[in-house]
N, C-alpha and C. Protein backbone atom coordinates (compact mmCIF):
# COMPACT_ATOMS: atom_id res chain seq x y z
N ALA A 1 -13.67 13.56 2.62
CA ALA A 1 -12.66 13.65 1.45
C ALA A 1 -12.69 14.98 0.84
N VAL A 2 -11.47 15.14 0.24
CA VAL A 2 -11.45 16.46 -0.65
C VAL A 2 -11.87 16.29 -1.91
N ILE A 3 -12.77 17.21 -2.41
CA ILE A 3 -13.22 17.06 -3.78
C ILE A 3 -12.16 17.35 -4.70
N ASN A 4 -12.11 16.60 -5.76
CA ASN A 4 -11.20 16.69 -6.87
C ASN A 4 -9.77 16.48 -6.41
N LYS A 5 -9.40 15.78 -5.37
CA LYS A 5 -8.08 15.51 -5.10
C LYS A 5 -7.59 14.49 -5.96
N THR A 6 -6.40 14.65 -6.65
CA THR A 6 -5.83 13.60 -7.61
C THR A 6 -4.63 12.95 -6.98
N VAL A 7 -4.79 11.69 -7.03
CA VAL A 7 -3.59 10.86 -6.61
C VAL A 7 -2.89 10.23 -7.86
N THR A 8 -1.59 9.74 -7.80
CA THR A 8 -1.05 9.05 -8.91
C THR A 8 -0.69 7.64 -8.41
N ILE A 9 -0.81 6.75 -9.24
CA ILE A 9 -0.36 5.32 -8.88
C ILE A 9 0.59 4.81 -9.99
N THR A 10 1.59 4.37 -9.65
CA THR A 10 2.55 3.74 -10.66
C THR A 10 2.45 2.19 -10.72
N ILE A 11 2.14 1.63 -11.74
CA ILE A 11 2.07 0.27 -12.08
C ILE A 11 3.12 -0.35 -12.77
N LYS A 12 3.79 -1.29 -12.05
CA LYS A 12 5.05 -1.82 -12.59
C LYS A 12 4.71 -3.03 -13.39
N GLY A 13 5.59 -3.46 -14.48
CA GLY A 13 5.51 -4.49 -15.25
C GLY A 13 5.35 -5.79 -14.35
N GLY A 14 4.57 -6.79 -14.68
CA GLY A 14 4.45 -7.84 -13.91
C GLY A 14 3.61 -7.89 -12.66
N MET A 15 3.14 -6.66 -12.28
CA MET A 15 2.14 -6.58 -11.29
C MET A 15 0.89 -7.28 -11.52
N THR A 16 0.26 -8.19 -10.61
CA THR A 16 -0.99 -8.64 -10.87
C THR A 16 -2.03 -7.57 -10.42
N SER A 17 -3.28 -7.99 -10.67
CA SER A 17 -4.39 -7.08 -10.30
C SER A 17 -4.46 -6.72 -8.87
N TYR A 18 -4.42 -7.72 -7.90
CA TYR A 18 -4.46 -7.55 -6.55
C TYR A 18 -3.71 -6.69 -5.87
N PRO A 19 -2.30 -6.71 -6.06
CA PRO A 19 -1.35 -5.62 -5.51
C PRO A 19 -1.75 -4.22 -5.88
N VAL A 20 -2.18 -4.17 -7.28
CA VAL A 20 -2.68 -2.80 -7.68
C VAL A 20 -3.96 -2.35 -6.85
N CYS A 21 -4.97 -3.29 -6.63
CA CYS A 21 -5.92 -2.92 -5.89
C CYS A 21 -5.62 -2.40 -4.28
N GLN A 22 -4.54 -3.21 -3.98
CA GLN A 22 -4.14 -2.83 -2.39
C GLN A 22 -3.70 -1.46 -2.44
N LYS A 23 -2.94 -1.20 -3.52
CA LYS A 23 -2.45 0.21 -3.60
C LYS A 23 -3.40 1.36 -3.78
N LEU A 24 -4.35 0.93 -4.52
CA LEU A 24 -5.59 1.81 -4.74
C LEU A 24 -6.29 2.00 -3.43
N GLN A 25 -6.43 1.00 -2.51
CA GLN A 25 -7.03 1.14 -1.21
C GLN A 25 -6.11 2.02 -0.29
N GLU A 26 -4.99 1.66 -0.44
CA GLU A 26 -3.93 2.53 0.37
C GLU A 26 -4.09 4.05 0.01
N LEU A 27 -4.15 4.32 -1.02
CA LEU A 27 -4.40 5.56 -1.54
C LEU A 27 -5.77 6.46 -1.15
N GLY A 28 -6.64 5.45 -0.89
CA GLY A 28 -8.01 6.04 -0.55
C GLY A 28 -8.85 6.02 -1.72
N LEU A 29 -8.52 5.55 -2.79
CA LEU A 29 -9.51 5.44 -3.99
C LEU A 29 -10.54 4.48 -3.94
N ILE A 30 -10.40 3.35 -3.23
CA ILE A 30 -11.35 2.29 -3.02
C ILE A 30 -11.44 1.99 -1.60
N ALA A 31 -12.55 1.39 -1.28
CA ALA A 31 -12.66 1.11 0.06
C ALA A 31 -12.13 -0.43 0.33
N ASN A 32 -12.24 -1.25 -0.61
CA ASN A 32 -11.92 -2.70 -0.46
C ASN A 32 -11.32 -3.20 -1.51
N ALA A 33 -9.91 -3.63 -1.39
CA ALA A 33 -9.19 -4.15 -2.39
C ALA A 33 -9.76 -5.45 -2.96
N THR A 34 -10.25 -6.26 -2.16
CA THR A 34 -10.93 -7.69 -2.68
C THR A 34 -12.03 -7.38 -3.53
N ASP A 35 -12.84 -6.47 -3.14
CA ASP A 35 -14.12 -6.03 -3.91
C ASP A 35 -13.74 -5.52 -5.25
N PHE A 36 -12.83 -4.71 -5.12
CA PHE A 36 -12.33 -4.01 -6.51
C PHE A 36 -11.84 -5.08 -7.48
N ASP A 37 -10.90 -5.87 -6.88
CA ASP A 37 -10.20 -7.01 -7.68
C ASP A 37 -11.21 -7.88 -8.31
N ASN A 38 -12.23 -8.26 -7.39
CA ASN A 38 -13.24 -9.15 -8.00
C ASN A 38 -14.01 -8.31 -9.24
N TYR A 39 -14.31 -7.15 -9.04
CA TYR A 39 -14.81 -6.33 -10.18
C TYR A 39 -14.06 -6.41 -11.34
N LEU A 40 -12.88 -6.07 -11.13
CA LEU A 40 -11.86 -6.06 -12.50
C LEU A 40 -11.81 -7.57 -13.09
N ILE A 41 -11.89 -8.62 -12.32
CA ILE A 41 -11.72 -10.01 -12.81
C ILE A 41 -13.14 -10.14 -13.60
N LYS A 42 -14.23 -9.82 -12.92
CA LYS A 42 -15.51 -10.21 -13.50
C LYS A 42 -15.77 -9.33 -14.75
N ASN A 43 -15.12 -8.19 -14.93
CA ASN A 43 -15.56 -7.25 -16.08
C ASN A 43 -14.28 -7.31 -17.06
N GLY A 44 -13.20 -8.19 -16.83
CA GLY A 44 -12.41 -8.37 -18.00
C GLY A 44 -11.20 -7.38 -17.89
N PHE A 45 -11.19 -6.50 -16.89
CA PHE A 45 -10.07 -5.62 -16.73
C PHE A 45 -8.91 -6.17 -16.16
N ALA A 46 -8.84 -7.22 -15.44
CA ALA A 46 -7.75 -7.75 -14.52
C ALA A 46 -6.49 -8.03 -15.58
N ASN A 47 -6.73 -8.50 -16.71
CA ASN A 47 -5.55 -8.81 -17.57
C ASN A 47 -5.14 -7.64 -18.49
N ARG A 48 -5.74 -6.47 -18.29
CA ARG A 48 -5.57 -5.36 -19.19
C ARG A 48 -4.89 -4.11 -18.37
N ILE A 49 -4.45 -4.58 -17.26
CA ILE A 49 -3.95 -3.31 -16.37
C ILE A 49 -2.63 -2.85 -17.16
N SER A 50 -2.62 -1.56 -17.18
CA SER A 50 -1.60 -0.65 -18.00
C SER A 50 -0.46 -0.29 -17.09
N VAL A 51 0.83 -0.69 -17.56
CA VAL A 51 2.04 -0.31 -16.95
C VAL A 51 2.31 1.22 -17.07
N GLY A 52 2.79 1.79 -15.92
CA GLY A 52 2.88 3.13 -16.14
C GLY A 52 2.33 3.93 -14.93
N THR A 53 2.29 5.24 -14.94
CA THR A 53 1.82 6.09 -13.93
C THR A 53 0.41 6.70 -14.36
N HIS A 54 -0.53 6.48 -13.51
CA HIS A 54 -1.89 6.93 -13.78
C HIS A 54 -2.29 8.12 -12.81
N SER A 55 -2.95 9.04 -13.15
CA SER A 55 -3.53 9.99 -12.27
C SER A 55 -5.11 9.72 -12.10
N LEU A 56 -5.41 9.70 -10.82
CA LEU A 56 -6.93 9.36 -10.71
C LEU A 56 -7.36 10.18 -9.58
N LYS A 57 -8.66 10.55 -9.67
CA LYS A 57 -9.39 11.31 -8.72
C LYS A 57 -10.08 10.65 -7.52
N ILE A 58 -9.89 11.23 -6.43
CA ILE A 58 -10.66 10.52 -5.18
C ILE A 58 -12.31 10.62 -5.63
N GLY A 59 -13.05 9.71 -5.36
CA GLY A 59 -14.31 9.61 -5.83
C GLY A 59 -14.81 9.09 -7.01
N MET A 60 -13.78 8.63 -7.89
CA MET A 60 -14.21 8.02 -9.25
C MET A 60 -14.73 6.60 -8.87
N SER A 61 -15.57 6.37 -9.84
CA SER A 61 -16.35 5.03 -9.78
C SER A 61 -15.34 3.78 -9.99
N TYR A 62 -15.81 2.62 -9.67
CA TYR A 62 -14.97 1.29 -10.02
C TYR A 62 -14.79 1.42 -11.57
N GLU A 63 -15.84 1.68 -12.24
CA GLU A 63 -15.65 1.70 -13.77
C GLU A 63 -14.76 2.72 -14.26
N GLU A 64 -14.71 3.90 -13.65
CA GLU A 64 -13.86 4.95 -14.11
C GLU A 64 -12.40 4.62 -13.74
N ILE A 65 -12.24 4.08 -12.49
CA ILE A 65 -10.66 3.66 -12.33
C ILE A 65 -10.34 2.61 -12.99
N ALA A 66 -11.15 1.56 -13.18
CA ALA A 66 -10.84 0.40 -14.11
C ALA A 66 -10.37 0.84 -15.50
N ILE A 67 -11.19 1.67 -16.17
CA ILE A 67 -10.90 2.22 -17.53
C ILE A 67 -9.52 3.00 -17.51
N ALA A 68 -9.39 3.85 -16.36
CA ALA A 68 -8.26 4.68 -16.25
C ALA A 68 -6.94 3.90 -16.34
N ILE A 69 -7.02 2.70 -15.72
CA ILE A 69 -5.70 1.96 -15.26
C ILE A 69 -5.55 0.88 -16.32
N SER A 70 -6.46 0.66 -17.40
CA SER A 70 -6.33 -0.38 -18.20
C SER A 70 -6.08 0.05 -19.67
N ASP A 71 -5.39 -0.80 -20.44
CA ASP A 71 -5.27 -0.79 -21.75
C ASP A 71 -6.64 -0.73 -22.44
N PRO A 72 -6.72 -0.13 -23.59
CA PRO A 72 -7.88 -0.15 -24.41
C PRO A 72 -8.00 -1.47 -24.92
N ARG A 73 -9.20 -2.10 -25.16
CA ARG A 73 -9.44 -3.38 -25.76
C ARG A 73 -8.87 -3.38 -27.17
């Protein structure tokens, strides 16, 4: 993996957490979409996914990605 490689993801209105997780997996940010979706649901991020374009770095933790793609509480 390239260190500090940045990828962008665009989240559209009405997208549920799972398709977002699938996109993150395609981009190489996470290894498993189902695992990350479960993390989002368990930690209360799934219903806070923020519409728009987000820049994420390869190698971010689940928590860092979740915070980056979520609206603040």
